[in-house]
């Protein structure tokens, strides 16, 4: 237990931020799993835009690093394009 008021406040703030960060990361992971599911390509296209948005927001708020967001977006786009091209053939 903290002995100072400022330490108590810091502990409260850390708990709030950890909960918020956990929620954002879980949301991103859930959306990424939807991208790898057997859903139709039209639905995946909508999910892809949503994932992009969430990744950008998370990077802007500092939940994840901006290069991590960029890398994940790139990998998702590559996966999506590969699936899109394989369905056309």
PDB file of N, CA and C in Angstrom:
ATOM      1  N   UNK A   1       0.833  -1.185   0.000  1.00  0.00           N
ATOM      2  CA  UNK A   1       0.000   0.000   0.000  1.00  0.00           C
ATOM      3  C   UNK A   1       0.876   1.245   0.000  1.00  0.00           C
ATOM      4  N   UNK A   2       0.532   2.211  -0.817  1.00  0.00           N
ATOM      5  CA  UNK A   2       1.301   3.457  -0.858  1.00  0.00           C
ATOM      6  C   UNK A   2       1.138   4.251   0.442  1.00  0.00           C
ATOM      7  N   UNK A   3       2.179   4.980   0.770  1.00  0.00           N
ATOM      8  CA  UNK A   3       2.164   5.780   1.997  1.00  0.00           C
ATOM      9  C   UNK A   3       1.846   7.247   1.736  1.00  0.00           C
ATOM     10  N   UNK A   4       1.927   7.664   0.486  1.00  0.00           N
ATOM     11  CA  UNK A   4       1.697   9.069   0.154  1.00  0.00           C
ATOM     12  C   UNK A   4       0.463   9.210  -0.721  1.00  0.00           C
ATOM     13  N   UNK A   5      -0.168  10.380  -0.613  1.00  0.00           N
ATOM     14  CA  UNK A   5      -1.369  10.637  -1.412  1.00  0.00           C
ATOM     15  C   UNK A   5      -1.076  10.564  -2.904  1.00  0.00           C
ATOM     16  N   UNK A   6       0.072  11.100  -3.310  1.00  0.00           N
ATOM     17  CA  UNK A   6       0.408  11.115  -4.733  1.00  0.00           C
ATOM     18  C   UNK A   6       0.606   9.687  -5.260  1.00  0.00           C
ATOM     19  N   UNK A   7       1.140   8.817  -4.426  1.00  0.00           N
ATOM     20  CA  UNK A   7       1.320   7.417  -4.829  1.00  0.00           C
ATOM     21  C   UNK A   7      -0.014   6.699  -4.939  1.00  0.00           C
ATOM     22  N   UNK A   8      -0.947   7.029  -4.057  1.00  0.00           N
ATOM     23  CA  UNK A   8      -2.283   6.445  -4.128  1.00  0.00           C
ATOM     24  C   UNK A   8      -2.970   6.854  -5.429  1.00  0.00           C
ATOM     25  N   UNK A   9      -2.838   8.138  -5.761  1.00  0.00           N
ATOM     26  CA  UNK A   9      -3.446   8.638  -6.996  1.00  0.00           C
ATOM     27  C   UNK A   9      -2.797   7.962  -8.207  1.00  0.00           C
ATOM     28  N   UNK A  10      -1.491   7.842  -8.194  1.00  0.00           N
ATOM     29  CA  UNK A  10      -0.776   7.201  -9.296  1.00  0.00           C
ATOM     30  C   UNK A  10      -1.274   5.760  -9.479  1.00  0.00           C
ATOM     31  N   UNK A  11      -1.495   5.057  -8.382  1.00  0.00           N
ATOM     32  CA  UNK A  11      -1.992   3.685  -8.441  1.00  0.00           C
ATOM     33  C   UNK A  11      -3.382   3.630  -9.069  1.00  0.00           C
ATOM     34  N   UNK A  12      -4.251   4.570  -8.678  1.00  0.00           N
ATOM     35  CA  UNK A  12      -5.594   4.626  -9.265  1.00  0.00           C
ATOM     36  C   UNK A  12      -5.522   4.898 -10.768  1.00  0.00           C
ATOM     37  N   UNK A  13      -4.653   5.824 -11.148  1.00  0.00           N
ATOM     38  CA  UNK A  13      -4.520   6.166 -12.564  1.00  0.00           C
ATOM     39  C   UNK A  13      -3.991   4.981 -13.373  1.00  0.00           C
ATOM     40  N   UNK A  14      -3.016   4.274 -12.815  1.00  0.00           N
ATOM     41  CA  UNK A  14      -2.439   3.129 -13.521  1.00  0.00           C
ATOM     42  C   UNK A  14      -3.478   2.041 -13.751  1.00  0.00           C
ATOM     43  N   UNK A  15      -4.344   1.819 -12.749  1.00  0.00           N
ATOM     44  CA  UNK A  15      -5.394   0.815 -12.905  1.00  0.00           C
ATOM     45  C   UNK A  15      -6.351   1.192 -14.033  1.00  0.00           C
ATOM     46  N   UNK A  16      -6.752   2.468 -14.079  1.00  0.00           N
ATOM     47  CA  UNK A  16      -7.662   2.938 -15.132  1.00  0.00           C
ATOM     48  C   UNK A  16      -7.030   2.777 -16.510  1.00  0.00           C
ATOM     49  N   UNK A  17      -5.772   3.199 -16.615  1.00  0.00           N
ATOM     50  CA  UNK A  17      -5.087   3.141 -17.909  1.00  0.00           C
ATOM     51  C   UNK A  17      -4.869   1.702 -18.348  1.00  0.00           C
ATOM     52  N   UNK A  18      -4.518   0.839 -17.402  1.00  0.00           N
ATOM     53  CA  UNK A  18      -4.304  -0.566 -17.738  1.00  0.00           C
ATOM     54  C   UNK A  18      -5.596  -1.190 -18.249  1.00  0.00           C
ATOM     55  N   UNK A  19      -6.713  -0.862 -17.614  1.00  0.00           N
ATOM     56  CA  UNK A  19      -8.007  -1.395 -18.050  1.00  0.00           C
ATOM     57  C   UNK A  19      -8.353  -0.888 -19.448  1.00  0.00           C
ATOM     58  N   UNK A  20      -8.114   0.387 -19.694  1.00  0.00           N
ATOM     59  CA  UNK A  20      -8.403   0.973 -21.002  1.00  0.00           C
ATOM     60  C   UNK A  20      -7.518   0.340 -22.080  1.00  0.00           C
ATOM     61  N   UNK A  21      -6.224   0.220 -21.782  1.00  0.00           N
ATOM     62  CA  UNK A  21      -5.290  -0.367 -22.746  1.00  0.00           C
ATOM     63  C   UNK A  21      -5.652  -1.818 -23.038  1.00  0.00           C
ATOM     64  N   UNK A  22      -6.046  -2.549 -22.012  1.00  0.00           N
ATOM     65  CA  UNK A  22      -6.429  -3.944 -22.180  1.00  0.00           C
ATOM     66  C   UNK A  22      -7.640  -4.052 -23.103  1.00  0.00           C
ATOM     67  N   UNK A  23      -8.614  -3.189 -22.906  1.00  0.00           N
ATOM     68  CA  UNK A  23      -9.812  -3.189 -23.737  1.00  0.00           C
ATOM     69  C   UNK A  23      -9.458  -2.908 -25.201  1.00  0.00           C
ATOM     70  N   UNK A  24      -8.622  -1.922 -25.435  1.00  0.00           N
ATOM     71  CA  UNK A  24      -8.250  -1.552 -26.799  1.00  0.00           C
ATOM     72  C   UNK A  24      -7.497  -2.698 -27.474  1.00  0.00           C
ATOM     73  N   UNK A  25      -6.553  -3.302 -26.762  1.00  0.00           N
ATOM     74  CA  UNK A  25      -5.775  -4.395 -27.344  1.00  0.00           C
ATOM     75  C   UNK A  25      -6.647  -5.604 -27.640  1.00  0.00           C
ATOM     76  N   UNK A  26      -7.575  -5.917 -26.746  1.00  0.00           N
ATOM     77  CA  UNK A  26      -8.470  -7.052 -26.969  1.00  0.00           C
ATOM     78  C   UNK A  26      -9.381  -6.794 -28.165  1.00  0.00           C
ATOM     79  N   UNK A  27      -9.839  -5.560 -28.316  1.00  0.00           N
ATOM     80  CA  UNK A  27     -10.690  -5.204 -29.455  1.00  0.00           C
ATOM     81  C   UNK A  27      -9.930  -5.411 -30.761  1.00  0.00           C
ATOM     82  N   UNK A  28      -8.688  -4.959 -30.794  1.00  0.00           N
ATOM     83  CA  UNK A  28      -7.860  -5.114 -31.995  1.00  0.00           C
ATOM     84  C   UNK A  28      -7.644  -6.590 -32.303  1.00  0.00           C
ATOM     85  N   UNK A  29      -7.323  -7.372 -31.283  1.00  0.00           N
ATOM     86  CA  UNK A  29      -7.092  -8.806 -31.504  1.00  0.00           C
ATOM     87  C   UNK A  29      -8.344  -9.514 -31.996  1.00  0.00           C
ATOM     88  N   UNK A  30      -9.501  -9.137 -31.466  1.00  0.00           N
ATOM     89  CA  UNK A  30     -10.762  -9.738 -31.902  1.00  0.00           C
ATOM     90  C   UNK A  30     -11.017  -9.427 -33.373  1.00  0.00           C
ATOM     91  N   UNK A  31     -10.785  -8.184 -33.759  1.00  0.00           N
ATOM     92  CA  UNK A  31     -10.989  -7.796 -35.156  1.00  0.00           C
ATOM     93  C   UNK A  31     -10.006  -8.527 -36.073  1.00  0.00           C
ATOM     94  N   UNK A  32      -8.771  -8.693 -35.615  1.00  0.00           N
ATOM     95  CA  UNK A  32      -7.793  -9.404 -36.434  1.00  0.00           C
ATOM     96  C   UNK A  32      -8.203 -10.866 -36.616  1.00  0.00           C
ATOM     97  N   UNK A  33      -8.765 -11.467 -35.582  1.00  0.00           N
ATOM     98  CA  UNK A  33      -9.231 -12.845 -35.696  1.00  0.00           C
ATOM     99  C   UNK A  33     -10.385 -12.942 -36.693  1.00  0.00           C
ATOM    100  N   UNK A  34     -11.232 -11.920 -36.729  1.00  0.00           N
ATOM    101  CA  UNK A  34     -12.320 -11.903 -37.704  1.00  0.00           C
ATOM    102  C   UNK A  34     -11.776 -11.857 -39.125  1.00  0.00           C
ATOM    103  N   UNK A  35     -10.634 -11.202 -39.306  1.00  0.00           N
ATOM    104  CA  UNK A  35     -10.010 -11.136 -40.631  1.00  0.00           C
ATOM    105  C   UNK A  35      -9.526 -12.510 -41.077  1.00  0.00           C
ATOM    106  N   UNK A  36      -9.144 -13.358 -40.143  1.00  0.00           N
ATOM    107  CA  UNK A  36      -8.627 -14.686 -40.475  1.00  0.00           C
ATOM    108  C   UNK A  36      -9.716 -15.761 -40.453  1.00  0.00           C
ATOM    109  N   UNK A  37     -10.965 -15.363 -40.285  1.00  0.00           N
ATOM    110  CA  UNK A  37     -12.062 -16.330 -40.238  1.00  0.00           C
ATOM    111  C   UNK A  37     -12.511 -16.682 -41.660  1.00  0.00           C
ATOM    112  N   UNK A  38     -13.549 -17.499 -41.748  1.00  0.00           N
ATOM    113  CA  UNK A  38     -14.077 -17.928 -43.048  1.00  0.00           C
ATOM    114  C   UNK A  38     -15.214 -17.039 -43.543  1.00  0.00           C
ATOM    115  N   UNK A  39     -15.215 -15.792 -43.135  1.00  0.00           N
ATOM    116  CA  UNK A  39     -16.265 -14.856 -43.542  1.00  0.00           C
ATOM    117  C   UNK A  39     -16.109 -14.496 -45.023  1.00  0.00           C
ATOM    118  N   UNK A  40     -17.178 -14.031 -45.650  1.00  0.00           N
ATOM    119  CA  UNK A  40     -17.083 -13.599 -47.059  1.00  0.00           C
ATOM    120  C   UNK A  40     -16.153 -12.395 -47.211  1.00  0.00           C
ATOM    121  N   UNK A  41     -15.616 -12.247 -48.398  1.00  0.00           N
ATOM    122  CA  UNK A  41     -14.601 -11.216 -48.664  1.00  0.00           C
ATOM    123  C   UNK A  41     -15.173  -9.810 -48.479  1.00  0.00           C
ATOM    124  N   UNK A  42     -16.471  -9.604 -48.774  1.00  0.00           N
ATOM    125  CA  UNK A  42     -17.080  -8.282 -48.614  1.00  0.00           C
ATOM    126  C   UNK A  42     -17.119  -7.880 -47.139  1.00  0.00           C
ATOM    127  N   UNK A  43     -17.416  -8.854 -46.295  1.00  0.00           N
ATOM    128  CA  UNK A  43     -17.462  -8.587 -44.857  1.00  0.00           C
ATOM    129  C   UNK A  43     -16.059  -8.298 -44.315  1.00  0.00           C
ATOM    130  N   UNK A  44     -15.092  -9.035 -44.840  1.00  0.00           N
ATOM    131  CA  UNK A  44     -13.705  -8.831 -44.395  1.00  0.00           C
ATOM    132  C   UNK A  44     -13.198  -7.442 -44.782  1.00  0.00           C
ATOM    133  N   UNK A  45     -13.679  -6.938 -45.904  1.00  0.00           N
ATOM    134  CA  UNK A  45     -13.271  -5.607 -46.343  1.00  0.00           C
ATOM    135  C   UNK A  45     -13.730  -4.546 -45.344  1.00  0.00           C
ATOM    136  N   UNK A  46     -14.940  -4.703 -44.819  1.00  0.00           N
ATOM    137  CA  UNK A  46     -15.457  -3.774 -43.811  1.00  0.00           C
ATOM    138  C   UNK A  46     -14.663  -3.896 -42.510  1.00  0.00           C
ATOM    139  N   UNK A  47     -14.366  -5.134 -42.130  1.00  0.00           N
ATOM    140  CA  UNK A  47     -13.607  -5.376 -40.898  1.00  0.00           C
ATOM    141  C   UNK A  47     -12.206  -4.798 -41.033  1.00  0.00           C
ATOM    142  N   UNK A  48     -11.624  -4.900 -42.224  1.00  0.00           N
ATOM    143  CA  UNK A  48     -10.275  -4.376 -42.452  1.00  0.00           C
ATOM    144  C   UNK A  48     -10.223  -2.876 -42.185  1.00  0.00           C
ATOM    145  N   UNK A  49     -11.210  -2.142 -42.664  1.00  0.00           N
ATOM    146  CA  UNK A  49     -11.249  -0.703 -42.420  1.00  0.00           C
ATOM    147  C   UNK A  49     -11.398  -0.400 -40.932  1.00  0.00           C
ATOM    148  N   UNK A  50     -12.191  -1.220 -40.250  1.00  0.00           N
ATOM    149  CA  UNK A  50     -12.386  -1.034 -38.819  1.00  0.00           C
ATOM    150  C   UNK A  50     -11.093  -1.312 -38.045  1.00  0.00           C
ATOM    151  N   UNK A  51     -10.364  -2.341 -38.466  1.00  0.00           N
ATOM    152  CA  UNK A  51      -9.088  -2.670 -37.817  1.00  0.00           C
ATOM    153  C   UNK A  51      -8.097  -1.527 -38.031  1.00  0.00           C
ATOM    154  N   UNK A  52      -8.040  -1.018 -39.253  1.00  0.00           N
ATOM    155  CA  UNK A  52      -7.155   0.110 -39.545  1.00  0.00           C
ATOM    156  C   UNK A  52      -7.443   1.280 -38.605  1.00  0.00           C
ATOM    157  N   UNK A  53      -8.712   1.589 -38.457  1.00  0.00           N
ATOM    158  CA  UNK A  53      -9.125   2.704 -37.616  1.00  0.00           C
ATOM    159  C   UNK A  53      -8.704   2.476 -36.165  1.00  0.00           C
ATOM    160  N   UNK A  54      -8.969   1.279 -35.647  1.00  0.00           N
ATOM    161  CA  UNK A  54      -8.628   0.969 -34.253  1.00  0.00           C
ATOM    162  C   UNK A  54      -7.117   1.002 -34.037  1.00  0.00           C
ATOM    163  N   UNK A  55      -6.359   0.482 -34.994  1.00  0.00           N
ATOM    164  CA  UNK A  55      -4.901   0.491 -34.868  1.00  0.00           C
ATOM    165  C   UNK A  55      -4.362   1.925 -34.861  1.00  0.00           C
ATOM    166  N   UNK A  56      -4.910   2.761 -35.732  1.00  0.00           N
ATOM    167  CA  UNK A  56      -4.468   4.158 -35.777  1.00  0.00           C
ATOM    168  C   UNK A  56      -4.798   4.888 -34.478  1.00  0.00           C
ATOM    169  N   UNK A  57      -5.993   4.635 -33.955  1.00  0.00           N
ATOM    170  CA  UNK A  57      -6.380   5.273 -32.688  1.00  0.00           C
ATOM    171  C   UNK A  57      -5.482   4.809 -31.550  1.00  0.00           C
ATOM    172  N   UNK A  58      -5.203   3.509 -31.503  1.00  0.00           N
ATOM    173  CA  UNK A  58      -4.362   2.958 -30.438  1.00  0.00           C
ATOM    174  C   UNK A  58      -2.952   3.535 -30.513  1.00  0.00           C
ATOM    175  N   UNK A  59      -2.437   3.689 -31.729  1.00  0.00           N
ATOM    176  CA  UNK A  59      -1.097   4.257 -31.892  1.00  0.00           C
ATOM    177  C   UNK A  59      -1.085   5.733 -31.497  1.00  0.00           C
ATOM    178  N   UNK A  60      -2.139   6.438 -31.842  1.00  0.00           N
ATOM    179  CA  UNK A  60      -2.225   7.860 -31.513  1.00  0.00           C
ATOM    180  C   UNK A  60      -2.288   8.084 -30.005  1.00  0.00           C
ATOM    181  N   UNK A  61      -3.011   7.195 -29.307  1.00  0.00           N
ATOM    182  CA  UNK A  61      -3.142   7.327 -27.856  1.00  0.00           C
ATOM    183  C   UNK A  61      -1.954   6.753 -27.096  1.00  0.00           C
ATOM    184  N   UNK A  62      -1.078   6.029 -27.797  1.00  0.00           N
ATOM    185  CA  UNK A  62       0.101   5.478 -27.137  1.00  0.00           C
ATOM    186  C   UNK A  62      -0.112   4.108 -26.536  1.00  0.00           C
ATOM    187  N   UNK A  63      -1.209   3.453 -26.891  1.00  0.00           N
ATOM    188  CA  UNK A  63      -1.456   2.104 -26.378  1.00  0.00           C
ATOM    189  C   UNK A  63      -0.471   1.135 -27.017  1.00  0.00           C
ATOM    190  N   UNK A  64      -0.246   1.294 -28.326  1.00  0.00           N
ATOM    191  CA  UNK A  64       0.776   0.526 -29.026  1.00  0.00           C
ATOM    192  C   UNK A  64       1.658   1.506 -29.789  1.00  0.00           C
ATOM    193  N   UNK A  65       2.836   1.062 -30.171  1.00  0.00           N
ATOM    194  CA  UNK A  65       3.765   1.914 -30.897  1.00  0.00           C
ATOM    195  C   UNK A  65       3.275   2.116 -32.323  1.00  0.00           C
ATOM    196  N   UNK A  66       3.605   3.249 -32.923  1.00  0.00           N
ATOM    197  CA  UNK A  66       3.090   3.545 -34.262  1.00  0.00           C
ATOM    198  C   UNK A  66       3.638   2.580 -35.315  1.00  0.00           C
ATOM    199  N   UNK A  67       4.862   2.110 -35.117  1.00  0.00           N
ATOM    200  CA  UNK A  67       5.408   1.148 -36.079  1.00  0.00           C
ATOM    201  C   UNK A  67       4.764  -0.226 -35.925  1.00  0.00           C
ATOM    202  N   UNK A  68       4.352  -0.552 -34.718  1.00  0.00           N
ATOM    203  CA  UNK A  68       3.622  -1.806 -34.493  1.00  0.00           C
ATOM    204  C   UNK A  68       2.292  -1.748 -35.229  1.00  0.00           C
ATOM    205  N   UNK A  69       1.616  -0.618 -35.133  1.00  0.00           N
ATOM    206  CA  UNK A  69       0.344  -0.441 -35.841  1.00  0.00           C
ATOM    207  C   UNK A  69       0.558  -0.558 -37.347  1.00  0.00           C
ATOM    208  N   UNK A  70       1.597   0.072 -37.834  1.00  0.00           N
ATOM    209  CA  UNK A  70       1.890   0.052 -39.262  1.00  0.00           C
ATOM    210  C   UNK A  70       2.200  -1.369 -39.737  1.00  0.00           C
ATOM    211  N   UNK A  71       2.990  -2.099 -38.950  1.00  0.00           N
ATOM    212  CA  UNK A  71       3.349  -3.470 -39.308  1.00  0.00           C
ATOM    213  C   UNK A  71       2.106  -4.363 -39.354  1.00  0.00           C
ATOM    214  N   UNK A  72       1.234  -4.225 -38.362  1.00  0.00           N
ATOM    215  CA  UNK A  72       0.024  -5.044 -38.324  1.00  0.00           C
ATOM    216  C   UNK A  72      -0.887  -4.732 -39.502  1.00  0.00           C
ATOM    217  N   UNK A  73      -1.018  -3.444 -39.840  1.00  0.00           N
ATOM    218  CA  UNK A  73      -1.846  -3.048 -40.973  1.00  0.00           C
ATOM    219  C   UNK A  73      -1.293  -3.645 -42.266  1.00  0.00           C
ATOM    220  N   UNK A  74       0.025  -3.608 -42.408  1.00  0.00           N
ATOM    221  CA  UNK A  74       0.664  -4.134 -43.604  1.00  0.00           C
ATOM    222  C   UNK A  74       0.438  -5.633 -43.745  1.00  0.00           C
ATOM    223  N   UNK A  75       0.578  -6.354 -42.656  1.00  0.00           N
ATOM    224  CA  UNK A  75       0.391  -7.803 -42.689  1.00  0.00           C
ATOM    225  C   UNK A  75      -1.066  -8.169 -42.969  1.00  0.00           C
ATOM    226  N   UNK A  76      -1.986  -7.422 -42.385  1.00  0.00           N
ATOM    227  CA  UNK A  76      -3.401  -7.679 -42.642  1.00  0.00           C
ATOM    228  C   UNK A  76      -3.757  -7.403 -44.098  1.00  0.00           C
ATOM    229  N   UNK A  77      -3.199  -6.329 -44.638  1.00  0.00           N
ATOM    230  CA  UNK A  77      -3.466  -5.987 -46.036  1.00  0.00           C
ATOM    231  C   UNK A  77      -2.921  -7.074 -46.963  1.00  0.00           C
ATOM    232  N   UNK A  78      -1.732  -7.574 -46.661  1.00  0.00           N
ATOM    233  CA  UNK A  78      -1.135  -8.632 -47.476  1.00  0.00           C
ATOM    234  C   UNK A  78      -1.993  -9.894 -47.416  1.00  0.00           C
ATOM    235  N   UNK A  79      -2.458 -10.232 -46.229  1.00  0.00           N
ATOM    236  CA  UNK A  79      -3.318 -11.410 -46.056  1.00  0.00           C
ATOM    237  C   UNK A  79      -4.639 -11.229 -46.812  1.00  0.00           C
ATOM    238  N   UNK A  80      -5.217 -10.041 -46.689  1.00  0.00           N
ATOM    239  CA  UNK A  80      -6.487  -9.749 -47.357  1.00  0.00           C
ATOM    240  C   UNK A  80      -6.332  -9.822 -48.872  1.00  0.00           C
ATOM    241  N   UNK A  81      -5.287  -9.211 -49.407  1.00  0.00           N
ATOM    242  CA  UNK A  81      -5.072  -9.205 -50.858  1.00  0.00           C
ATOM    243  C   UNK A  81      -4.810 -10.616 -51.387  1.00  0.00           C
ATOM    244  N   UNK A  82      -4.090 -11.400 -50.611  1.00  0.00           N
ATOM    245  CA  UNK A  82      -3.818 -12.778 -51.022  1.00  0.00           C
ATOM    246  C   UNK A  82      -5.124 -13.568 -51.109  1.00  0.00           C
ATOM    247  N   UNK A  83      -5.983 -13.395 -50.111  1.00  0.00           N
ATOM    248  CA  UNK A  83      -7.286 -14.087 -50.109  1.00  0.00           C
ATOM    249  C   UNK A  83      -8.180 -13.586 -51.234  1.00  0.00           C
ATOM    250  N   UNK A  84      -8.156 -12.280 -51.447  1.00  0.00           N
ATOM    251  CA  UNK A  84      -9.002 -11.673 -52.486  1.00  0.00           C
ATOM    252  C   UNK A  84      -8.603 -12.203 -53.860  1.00  0.00           C
ATOM    253  N   UNK A  85      -7.303 -12.307 -54.117  1.00  0.00           N
ATOM    254  CA  UNK A  85      -6.823 -12.793 -55.404  1.00  0.00           C
ATOM    255  C   UNK A  85      -7.090 -14.278 -55.584  1.00  0.00           C
ATOM    256  N   UNK A  86      -7.045 -15.033 -54.494  1.00  0.00           N
ATOM    257  CA  UNK A  86      -7.272 -16.482 -54.614  1.00  0.00           C
ATOM    258  C   UNK A  86      -8.754 -16.786 -54.870  1.00  0.00           C
ATOM    259  N   UNK A  87      -9.650 -15.914 -54.426  1.00  0.00           N
ATOM    260  CA  UNK A  87     -11.071 -16.148 -54.667  1.00  0.00           C
ATOM    261  C   UNK A  87     -11.465 -15.789 -56.105  1.00  0.00           C
ATOM    262  N   UNK A  88     -10.713 -14.872 -56.719  1.00  0.00           N
ATOM    263  CA  UNK A  88     -11.008 -14.463 -58.091  1.00  0.00           C
ATOM    264  C   UNK A  88     -10.696 -15.590 -59.086  1.00  0.00           C
ATOM    265  N   UNK A  89      -9.650 -16.328 -58.803  1.00  0.00           N
ATOM    266  CA  UNK A  89      -9.203 -17.360 -59.743  1.00  0.00           C
ATOM    267  C   UNK A  89     -10.075 -18.571 -59.772  1.00  0.00           C
TER     268      UNK A  89
END
